[in-house]
PDB file of N, CA and C in Angstrom:
ATOM      1  N   MET A   1     -14.121  16.338   7.295  1.00  0.00           N
ATOM      2  CA  MET A   1     -14.042  14.894   7.176  1.00  0.00           C
ATOM      3  C   MET A   1     -12.700  14.407   7.710  1.00  0.00           C
ATOM      4  N   ASN A   2     -12.731  13.506   8.684  1.00  0.00           N
ATOM      5  CA  ASN A   2     -11.516  12.964   9.275  1.00  0.00           C
ATOM      6  C   ASN A   2     -10.907  11.906   8.377  1.00  0.00           C
ATOM      7  N   LYS A   3      -9.591  11.904   8.343  1.00  0.00           N
ATOM      8  CA  LYS A   3      -8.848  10.897   7.596  1.00  0.00           C
ATOM      9  C   LYS A   3      -7.689  10.413   8.440  1.00  0.00           C
ATOM     10  N   GLU A   4      -7.345   9.159   8.264  1.00  0.00           N
ATOM     11  CA  GLU A   4      -6.147   8.585   8.854  1.00  0.00           C
ATOM     12  C   GLU A   4      -5.406   7.916   7.704  1.00  0.00           C
ATOM     13  N   LEU A   5      -4.307   8.514   7.305  1.00  0.00           N
ATOM     14  CA  LEU A   5      -3.644   8.106   6.065  1.00  0.00           C
ATOM     15  C   LEU A   5      -2.424   7.223   6.305  1.00  0.00           C
ATOM     16  N   VAL A   6      -2.216   6.303   5.365  1.00  0.00           N
ATOM     17  CA  VAL A   6      -1.010   5.489   5.323  1.00  0.00           C
ATOM     18  C   VAL A   6      -0.443   5.533   3.907  1.00  0.00           C
ATOM     19  N   PHE A   7       0.873   5.409   3.825  1.00  0.00           N
ATOM     20  CA  PHE A   7       1.561   5.298   2.541  1.00  0.00           C
ATOM     21  C   PHE A   7       1.870   3.824   2.317  1.00  0.00           C
ATOM     22  N   ILE A   8       1.540   3.337   1.141  1.00  0.00           N
ATOM     23  CA  ILE A   8       1.806   1.937   0.783  1.00  0.00           C
ATOM     24  C   ILE A   8       2.719   1.945  -0.433  1.00  0.00           C
ATOM     25  N   THR A   9       3.826   1.214  -0.332  1.00  0.00           N
ATOM     26  CA  THR A   9       4.784   1.132  -1.428  1.00  0.00           C
ATOM     27  C   THR A   9       4.910  -0.325  -1.858  1.00  0.00           C
ATOM     28  N   VAL A  10       4.837  -0.554  -3.170  1.00  0.00           N
ATOM     29  CA  VAL A  10       4.931  -1.901  -3.734  1.00  0.00           C
ATOM     30  C   VAL A  10       6.053  -1.895  -4.764  1.00  0.00           C
ATOM     31  N   ILE A  11       7.006  -2.807  -4.603  1.00  0.00           N
ATOM     32  CA  ILE A  11       8.156  -2.863  -5.515  1.00  0.00           C
ATOM     33  C   ILE A  11       8.468  -4.315  -5.845  1.00  0.00           C
ATOM     34  N   GLY A  12       8.756  -4.572  -7.113  1.00  0.00           N
ATOM     35  CA  GLY A  12       9.165  -5.907  -7.530  1.00  0.00           C
ATOM     36  C   GLY A  12       9.147  -6.034  -9.037  1.00  0.00           C
ATOM     37  N   VAL A  13       9.414  -7.216  -9.510  1.00  0.00           N
ATOM     38  CA  VAL A  13       9.408  -7.478 -10.946  1.00  0.00           C
ATOM     39  C   VAL A  13       7.964  -7.411 -11.437  1.00  0.00           C
ATOM     40  N   ASP A  14       7.748  -6.744 -12.557  1.00  0.00           N
ATOM     41  CA  ASP A  14       6.406  -6.548 -13.092  1.00  0.00           C
ATOM     42  C   ASP A  14       5.758  -7.878 -13.454  1.00  0.00           C
ATOM     43  N   ARG A  15       4.467  -7.956 -13.192  1.00  0.00           N
ATOM     44  CA  ARG A  15       3.664  -9.107 -13.580  1.00  0.00           C
ATOM     45  C   ARG A  15       2.203  -8.683 -13.571  1.00  0.00           C
ATOM     46  N   LYS A  16       1.353  -9.488 -14.136  1.00  0.00           N
ATOM     47  CA  LYS A  16      -0.077  -9.195 -14.168  1.00  0.00           C
ATOM     48  C   LYS A  16      -0.694  -9.318 -12.784  1.00  0.00           C
ATOM     49  N   GLY A  17      -1.694  -8.463 -12.504  1.00  0.00           N
ATOM     50  CA  GLY A  17      -2.510  -8.610 -11.314  1.00  0.00           C
ATOM     51  C   GLY A  17      -2.040  -7.912 -10.056  1.00  0.00           C
ATOM     52  N   ILE A  18      -0.956  -7.150 -10.127  1.00  0.00           N
ATOM     53  CA  ILE A  18      -0.425  -6.502  -8.924  1.00  0.00           C
ATOM     54  C   ILE A  18      -1.421  -5.480  -8.381  1.00  0.00           C
ATOM     55  N   VAL A  19      -1.845  -4.554  -9.216  1.00  0.00           N
ATOM     56  CA  VAL A  19      -2.771  -3.504  -8.777  1.00  0.00           C
ATOM     57  C   VAL A  19      -4.077  -4.142  -8.290  1.00  0.00           C
ATOM     58  N   ALA A  20      -4.559  -5.128  -9.011  1.00  0.00           N
ATOM     59  CA  ALA A  20      -5.804  -5.796  -8.640  1.00  0.00           C
ATOM     60  C   ALA A  20      -5.691  -6.471  -7.275  1.00  0.00           C
ATOM     61  N   ALA A  21      -4.603  -7.172  -7.018  1.00  0.00           N
ATOM     62  CA  ALA A  21      -4.444  -7.899  -5.756  1.00  0.00           C
ATOM     63  C   ALA A  21      -4.370  -6.942  -4.567  1.00  0.00           C
ATOM     64  N   VAL A  22      -3.578  -5.898  -4.701  1.00  0.00           N
ATOM     65  CA  VAL A  22      -3.433  -4.939  -3.604  1.00  0.00           C
ATOM     66  C   VAL A  22      -4.738  -4.180  -3.397  1.00  0.00           C
ATOM     67  N   SER A  23      -5.327  -3.701  -4.480  1.00  0.00           N
ATOM     68  CA  SER A  23      -6.589  -2.957  -4.388  1.00  0.00           C
ATOM     69  C   SER A  23      -7.701  -3.809  -3.806  1.00  0.00           C
ATOM     70  N   ASN A  24      -7.770  -5.070  -4.189  1.00  0.00           N
ATOM     71  CA  ASN A  24      -8.799  -5.962  -3.676  1.00  0.00           C
ATOM     72  C   ASN A  24      -8.646  -6.174  -2.169  1.00  0.00           C
ATOM     73  N   PHE A  25      -7.414  -6.359  -1.701  1.00  0.00           N
ATOM     74  CA  PHE A  25      -7.194  -6.504  -0.266  1.00  0.00           C
ATOM     75  C   PHE A  25      -7.649  -5.254   0.476  1.00  0.00           C
ATOM     76  N   LEU A  26      -7.312  -4.083  -0.054  1.00  0.00           N
ATOM     77  CA  LEU A  26      -7.725  -2.835   0.592  1.00  0.00           C
ATOM     78  C   LEU A  26      -9.242  -2.704   0.592  1.00  0.00           C
ATOM     79  N   TYR A  27      -9.881  -3.053  -0.507  1.00  0.00           N
ATOM     80  CA  TYR A  27     -11.341  -3.013  -0.598  1.00  0.00           C
ATOM     81  C   TYR A  27     -11.974  -3.917   0.464  1.00  0.00           C
ATOM     82  N   GLU A  28     -11.479  -5.138   0.567  1.00  0.00           N
ATOM     83  CA  GLU A  28     -12.011  -6.084   1.544  1.00  0.00           C
ATOM     84  C   GLU A  28     -11.777  -5.622   2.977  1.00  0.00           C
ATOM     85  N   SER A  29     -10.769  -4.775   3.188  1.00  0.00           N
ATOM     86  CA  SER A  29     -10.461  -4.237   4.516  1.00  0.00           C
ATOM     87  C   SER A  29     -11.162  -2.910   4.776  1.00  0.00           C
ATOM     88  N   ASP A  30     -12.027  -2.493   3.850  1.00  0.00           N
ATOM     89  CA  ASP A  30     -12.786  -1.238   3.944  1.00  0.00           C
ATOM     90  C   ASP A  30     -11.854  -0.028   4.021  1.00  0.00           C
ATOM     91  N   ILE A  31     -10.821  -0.065   3.192  1.00  0.00           N
ATOM     92  CA  ILE A  31      -9.827   1.007   3.127  1.00  0.00           C
ATOM     93  C   ILE A  31      -9.953   1.708   1.779  1.00  0.00           C
ATOM     94  N   ASN A  32     -10.002   3.036   1.821  1.00  0.00           N
ATOM     95  CA  ASN A  32     -10.171   3.840   0.611  1.00  0.00           C
ATOM     96  C   ASN A  32      -8.818   4.282   0.048  1.00  0.00           C
ATOM     97  N   ILE A  33      -8.610   4.059  -1.225  1.00  0.00           N
ATOM     98  CA  ILE A  33      -7.406   4.543  -1.904  1.00  0.00           C
ATOM     99  C   ILE A  33      -7.647   6.001  -2.273  1.00  0.00           C
ATOM    100  N   VAL A  34      -6.823   6.893  -1.723  1.00  0.00           N
ATOM    101  CA  VAL A  34      -6.946   8.320  -1.957  1.00  0.00           C
ATOM    102  C   VAL A  34      -6.154   8.731  -3.190  1.00  0.00           C
ATOM    103  N   ASP A  35      -4.979   8.131  -3.368  1.00  0.00           N
ATOM    104  CA  ASP A  35      -4.120   8.460  -4.506  1.00  0.00           C
ATOM    105  C   ASP A  35      -3.308   7.222  -4.848  1.00  0.00           C
ATOM    106  N   ILE A  36      -3.026   7.065  -6.131  1.00  0.00           N
ATOM    107  CA  ILE A  36      -2.233   5.916  -6.575  1.00  0.00           C
ATOM    108  C   ILE A  36      -1.355   6.359  -7.742  1.00  0.00           C
ATOM    109  N   ASN A  37      -0.131   5.873  -7.737  1.00  0.00           N
ATOM    110  CA  ASN A  37       0.814   6.180  -8.810  1.00  0.00           C
ATOM    111  C   ASN A  37       1.623   4.908  -9.048  1.00  0.00           C
ATOM    112  N   GLN A  38       1.694   4.477 -10.287  1.00  0.00           N
ATOM    113  CA  GLN A  38       2.478   3.285 -10.593  1.00  0.00           C
ATOM    114  C   GLN A  38       3.176   3.448 -11.927  1.00  0.00           C
ATOM    115  N   ARG A  39       4.292   2.764 -12.043  1.00  0.00           N
ATOM    116  CA  ARG A  39       5.022   2.770 -13.314  1.00  0.00           C
ATOM    117  C   ARG A  39       5.914   1.552 -13.408  1.00  0.00           C
ATOM    118  N   ILE A  40       6.291   1.265 -14.631  1.00  0.00           N
ATOM    119  CA  ILE A  40       7.229   0.187 -14.911  1.00  0.00           C
ATOM    120  C   ILE A  40       8.559   0.846 -15.256  1.00  0.00           C
ATOM    121  N   MET A  41       9.584   0.512 -14.504  1.00  0.00           N
ATOM    122  CA  MET A  41      10.912   1.063 -14.746  1.00  0.00           C
ATOM    123  C   MET A  41      11.514   0.381 -15.982  1.00  0.00           C
ATOM    124  N   PRO A  42      12.490   1.028 -16.625  1.00  0.00           N
ATOM    125  CA  PRO A  42      13.078   0.446 -17.840  1.00  0.00           C
ATOM    126  C   PRO A  42      13.631  -0.969 -17.652  1.00  0.00           C
ATOM    127  N   ASP A  43      14.058  -1.309 -16.440  1.00  0.00           N
ATOM    128  CA  ASP A  43      14.626  -2.644 -16.217  1.00  0.00           C
ATOM    129  C   ASP A  43      13.573  -3.691 -15.854  1.00  0.00           C
ATOM    130  N   GLY A  44      12.271  -3.339 -15.991  1.00  0.00           N
ATOM    131  CA  GLY A  44      11.198  -4.288 -15.756  1.00  0.00           C
ATOM    132  C   GLY A  44      10.662  -4.318 -14.342  1.00  0.00           C
ATOM    133  N   TYR A  45      11.121  -3.409 -13.495  1.00  0.00           N
ATOM    134  CA  TYR A  45      10.610  -3.352 -12.132  1.00  0.00           C
ATOM    135  C   TYR A  45       9.332  -2.524 -12.070  1.00  0.00           C
ATOM    136  N   PHE A  46       8.388  -3.027 -11.311  1.00  0.00           N
ATOM    137  CA  PHE A  46       7.119  -2.350 -11.069  1.00  0.00           C
ATOM    138  C   PHE A  46       7.251  -1.589  -9.751  1.00  0.00           C
ATOM    139  N   VAL A  47       6.843  -0.314  -9.768  1.00  0.00           N
ATOM    140  CA  VAL A  47       6.872   0.509  -8.563  1.00  0.00           C
ATOM    141  C   VAL A  47       5.513   1.190  -8.435  1.00  0.00           C
ATOM    142  N   MET A  48       4.879   1.001  -7.274  1.00  0.00           N
ATOM    143  CA  MET A  48       3.583   1.637  -7.043  1.00  0.00           C
ATOM    144  C   MET A  48       3.585   2.277  -5.661  1.00  0.00           C
ATOM    145  N   THR A  49       3.056   3.482  -5.584  1.00  0.00           N
ATOM    146  CA  THR A  49       2.834   4.131  -4.306  1.00  0.00           C
ATOM    147  C   THR A  49       1.353   4.453  -4.192  1.00  0.00           C
ATOM    148  N   MET A  50       0.835   4.258  -3.006  1.00  0.00           N
ATOM    149  CA  MET A  50      -0.576   4.536  -2.735  1.00  0.00           C
ATOM    150  C   MET A  50      -0.665   5.359  -1.461  1.00  0.00           C
ATOM    151  N   LEU A  51      -1.642   6.234  -1.442  1.00  0.00           N
ATOM    152  CA  LEU A  51      -2.024   6.921  -0.226  1.00  0.00           C
ATOM    153  C   LEU A  51      -3.424   6.409   0.077  1.00  0.00           C
ATOM    154  N   ALA A  52      -3.611   5.819   1.254  1.00  0.00           N
ATOM    155  CA  ALA A  52      -4.885   5.190   1.581  1.00  0.00           C
ATOM    156  C   ALA A  52      -5.401   5.702   2.921  1.00  0.00           C
ATOM    157  N   ASP A  53      -6.718   5.823   2.999  1.00  0.00           N
ATOM    158  CA  ASP A  53      -7.382   6.285   4.214  1.00  0.00           C
ATOM    159  C   ASP A  53      -7.891   5.066   4.979  1.00  0.00           C
ATOM    160  N   ILE A  54      -7.364   4.871   6.200  1.00  0.00           N
ATOM    161  CA  ILE A  54      -7.724   3.696   6.999  1.00  0.00           C
ATOM    162  C   ILE A  54      -8.728   4.027   8.110  1.00  0.00           C
ATOM    163  N   ILE A  55      -9.313   5.210   8.085  1.00  0.00           N
ATOM    164  CA  ILE A  55     -10.207   5.646   9.163  1.00  0.00           C
ATOM    165  C   ILE A  55     -11.366   4.672   9.379  1.00  0.00           C
ATOM    166  N   ASP A  56     -11.898   4.078   8.316  1.00  0.00           N
ATOM    167  CA  ASP A  56     -13.029   3.152   8.420  1.00  0.00           C
ATOM    168  C   ASP A  56     -12.611   1.690   8.282  1.00  0.00           C
ATOM    169  N   ALA A  57     -11.311   1.411   8.362  1.00  0.00           N
ATOM    170  CA  ALA A  57     -10.808   0.052   8.142  1.00  0.00           C
ATOM    171  C   ALA A  57     -11.409  -0.937   9.135  1.00  0.00           C
ATOM    172  N   ASN A  58     -11.654  -2.147   8.657  1.00  0.00           N
ATOM    173  CA  ASN A  58     -12.150  -3.207   9.530  1.00  0.00           C
ATOM    174  C   ASN A  58     -11.012  -4.117  10.003  1.00  0.00           C
ATOM    175  N   VAL A  59      -9.778  -3.640   9.849  1.00  0.00           N
ATOM    176  CA  VAL A  59      -8.587  -4.345  10.322  1.00  0.00           C
ATOM    177  C   VAL A  59      -7.719  -3.353  11.097  1.00  0.00           C
ATOM    178  N   SER A  60      -6.905  -3.867  12.008  1.00  0.00           N
ATOM    179  CA  SER A  60      -5.953  -3.026  12.734  1.00  0.00           C
ATOM    180  C   SER A  60      -4.756  -2.719  11.841  1.00  0.00           C
ATOM    181  N   MET A  61      -3.923  -1.808  12.273  1.00  0.00           N
ATOM    182  CA  MET A  61      -2.705  -1.478  11.519  1.00  0.00           C
ATOM    183  C   MET A  61      -1.817  -2.723  11.396  1.00  0.00           C
ATOM    184  N   GLU A  62      -1.743  -3.511  12.457  1.00  0.00           N
ATOM    185  CA  GLU A  62      -0.934  -4.725  12.428  1.00  0.00           C
ATOM    186  C   GLU A  62      -1.491  -5.729  11.421  1.00  0.00           C
ATOM    187  N   GLU A  63      -2.819  -5.872  11.407  1.00  0.00           N
ATOM    188  CA  GLU A  63      -3.455  -6.788  10.458  1.00  0.00           C
ATOM    189  C   GLU A  63      -3.295  -6.293   9.022  1.00  0.00           C
ATOM    190  N   LEU A  64      -3.338  -4.983   8.836  1.00  0.00           N
ATOM    191  CA  LEU A  64      -3.125  -4.398   7.507  1.00  0.00           C
ATOM    192  C   LEU A  64      -1.722  -4.734   7.009  1.00  0.00           C
ATOM    193  N   CYS A  65      -0.730  -4.489   7.851  1.00  0.00           N
ATOM    194  CA  CYS A  65       0.659  -4.779   7.458  1.00  0.00           C
ATOM    195  C   CYS A  65       0.859  -6.264   7.173  1.00  0.00           C
ATOM    196  N   ALA A  66       0.326  -7.120   8.038  1.00  0.00           N
ATOM    197  CA  ALA A  66       0.473  -8.570   7.856  1.00  0.00           C
ATOM    198  C   ALA A  66      -0.257  -9.036   6.601  1.00  0.00           C
ATOM    199  N   GLY A  67      -1.447  -8.505   6.367  1.00  0.00           N
ATOM    200  CA  GLY A  67      -2.209  -8.894   5.182  1.00  0.00           C
ATOM    201  C   GLY A  67      -1.525  -8.485   3.895  1.00  0.00           C
ATOM    202  N   LEU A  68      -0.997  -7.261   3.869  1.00  0.00           N
ATOM    203  CA  LEU A  68      -0.299  -6.801   2.667  1.00  0.00           C
ATOM    204  C   LEU A  68       1.024  -7.547   2.483  1.00  0.00           C
ATOM    205  N   GLU A  69       1.643  -7.950   3.580  1.00  0.00           N
ATOM    206  CA  GLU A  69       2.865  -8.761   3.472  1.00  0.00           C
ATOM    207  C   GLU A  69       2.544 -10.097   2.804  1.00  0.00           C
ATOM    208  N   LYS A  70       1.399 -10.699   3.155  1.00  0.00           N
ATOM    209  CA  LYS A  70       0.977 -11.959   2.531  1.00  0.00           C
ATOM    210  C   LYS A  70       0.678 -11.763   1.049  1.00  0.00           C
ATOM    211  N   VAL A  71       0.009 -10.651   0.718  1.00  0.00           N
ATOM    212  CA  VAL A  71      -0.264 -10.342  -0.698  1.00  0.00           C
ATOM    213  C   VAL A  71       1.058 -10.203  -1.444  1.00  0.00           C
ATOM    214  N   GLY A  72       1.987  -9.467  -0.851  1.00  0.00           N
ATOM    215  CA  GLY A  72       3.298  -9.283  -1.467  1.00  0.00           C
ATOM    216  C   GLY A  72       4.036 -10.595  -1.651  1.00  0.00           C
ATOM    217  N   SER A  73       3.956 -11.467  -0.673  1.00  0.00           N
ATOM    218  CA  SER A  73       4.620 -12.769  -0.764  1.00  0.00           C
ATOM    219  C   SER A  73       4.053 -13.580  -1.926  1.00  0.00           C
ATOM    220  N   ARG A  74       2.722 -13.586  -2.060  1.00  0.00           N
ATOM    221  CA  ARG A  74       2.091 -14.312  -3.175  1.00  0.00           C
ATOM    222  C   ARG A  74       2.549 -13.757  -4.522  1.00  0.00           C
ATOM    223  N   LEU A  75       2.718 -12.434  -4.585  1.00  0.00           N
ATOM    224  CA  LEU A  75       3.091 -11.775  -5.838  1.00  0.00           C
ATOM    225  C   LEU A  75       4.599 -11.704  -6.046  1.00  0.00           C
ATOM    226  N   LYS A  76       5.359 -12.140  -5.034  1.00  0.00           N
ATOM    227  CA  LYS A  76       6.824 -12.007  -5.052  1.00  0.00           C
ATOM    228  C   LYS A  76       7.231 -10.538  -5.149  1.00  0.00           C
ATOM    229  N   MET A  77       6.518  -9.706  -4.356  1.00  0.00           N
ATOM    230  CA  MET A  77       6.747  -8.262  -4.312  1.00  0.00           C
ATOM    231  C   MET A  77       7.047  -7.852  -2.873  1.00  0.00           C
ATOM    232  N   LYS A  78       7.693  -6.716  -2.713  1.00  0.00           N
ATOM    233  CA  LYS A  78       7.923  -6.134  -1.384  1.00  0.00           C
ATOM    234  C   LYS A  78       6.870  -5.050  -1.189  1.00  0.00           C
ATOM    235  N   ILE A  79       6.031  -5.177  -0.148  1.00  0.00           N
ATOM    236  CA  ILE A  79       5.005  -4.183   0.152  1.00  0.00           C
ATOM    237  C   ILE A  79       5.276  -3.641   1.546  1.00  0.00           C
ATOM    238  N   GLN A  80       5.388  -2.313   1.631  1.00  0.00           N
ATOM    239  CA  GLN A  80       5.630  -1.647   2.904  1.00  0.00           C
ATOM    240  C   GLN A  80       4.497  -0.673   3.190  1.00  0.00           C
ATOM    241  N   VAL A  81       4.161  -0.540   4.465  1.00  0.00           N
ATOM    242  CA  VAL A  81       3.119   0.374   4.910  1.00  0.00           C
ATOM    243  C   VAL A  81       3.731   1.305   5.945  1.00  0.00           C
ATOM    244  N   GLN A  82       3.462   2.588   5.785  1.00  0.00           N
ATOM    245  CA  GLN A  82       3.967   3.574   6.743  1.00  0.00           C
ATOM    246  C   GLN A  82       2.843   4.540   7.081  1.00  0.00           C
ATOM    247  N   HIS A  83       2.563   4.689   8.363  1.00  0.00           N
ATOM    248  CA  HIS A  83       1.515   5.613   8.803  1.00  0.00           C
ATOM    249  C   HIS A  83       1.967   7.043   8.516  1.00  0.00           C
ATOM    250  N   GLU A  84       1.018   7.882   8.155  1.00  0.00           N
ATOM    251  CA  GLU A  84       1.307   9.282   7.832  1.00  0.00           C
ATOM    252  C   GLU A  84       2.046   9.989   8.968  1.00  0.00           C
ATOM    253  N   ASN A  85       1.701   9.705  10.215  1.00  0.00           N
ATOM    254  CA  ASN A  85       2.358  10.375  11.347  1.00  0.00           C
ATOM    255  C   ASN A  85       3.847  10.060  11.391  1.00  0.00           C
ATOM    256  N   ILE A  86       4.215   8.826  11.117  1.00  0.00           N
ATOM    257  CA  ILE A  86       5.631   8.444  11.090  1.00  0.00           C
ATOM    258  C   ILE A  86       6.325   9.143   9.931  1.00  0.00           C
ATOM    259  N   PHE A  87       5.664   9.165   8.782  1.00  0.00           N
ATOM    260  CA  PHE A  87       6.231   9.842   7.610  1.00  0.00           C
ATOM    261  C   PHE A  87       6.480  11.306   7.911  1.00  0.00           C
ATOM    262  N   LYS A  88       5.514  11.978   8.527  1.00  0.00           N
ATOM    263  CA  LYS A  88       5.663  13.399   8.859  1.00  0.00           C
ATOM    264  C   LYS A  88       6.814  13.625   9.826  1.00  0.00           C
ATOM    265  N   MET A  89       6.931  12.758  10.846  1.00  0.00           N
ATOM    266  CA  MET A  89       8.012  12.916  11.824  1.00  0.00           C
ATOM    267  C   MET A  89       9.382  12.703  11.179  1.00  0.00           C
ATOM    268  N   MET A  90       9.476  11.764  10.251  1.00  0.00           N
ATOM    269  CA  MET A  90      10.749  11.486   9.590  1.00  0.00           C
ATOM    270  C   MET A  90      11.169  12.625   8.674  1.00  0.00           C
ATOM    271  N   HIS A  91      10.223  13.388   8.143  1.00  0.00           N
ATOM    272  CA  HIS A  91      10.524  14.420   7.164  1.00  0.00           C
ATOM    273  C   HIS A  91      10.360  15.834   7.691  1.00  0.00           C
ATOM    274  N   ARG A  92      10.315  15.969   9.020  1.00  0.00           N
ATOM    275  CA  ARG A  92      10.256  17.299   9.613  1.00  0.00           C
ATOM    276  C   ARG A  92      11.594  17.984   9.494  1.00  0.00           C
ATOM    277  N   ILE A  93      11.546  19.276   9.339  1.00  0.00           N
ATOM    278  CA  ILE A  93      12.807  20.063   9.259  1.00  0.00           C
ATOM    279  C   ILE A  93      13.102  20.656  10.610  1.00  0.00           C
TER     280      ILE A  93
END
């Protein structure tokens, strides 16, 4: 089974609906969440990392980044997307 993975990072002050908003956007873009990890830091910051498969996405990488940026703006959160290939190149020894 082929996969094309991206890492999604969400950071900001905790509030209701963060996971729902990001997950809903990914669902509407036909993107599968492979792994998700989130926590609330002691100072009230919400941090979430996702690994998502974009192989069947109905949006381009540019549209994905722009769409998640809009979601982040609405939530007053910083959302970053990094393709797995870039991540691998940055962390090669």
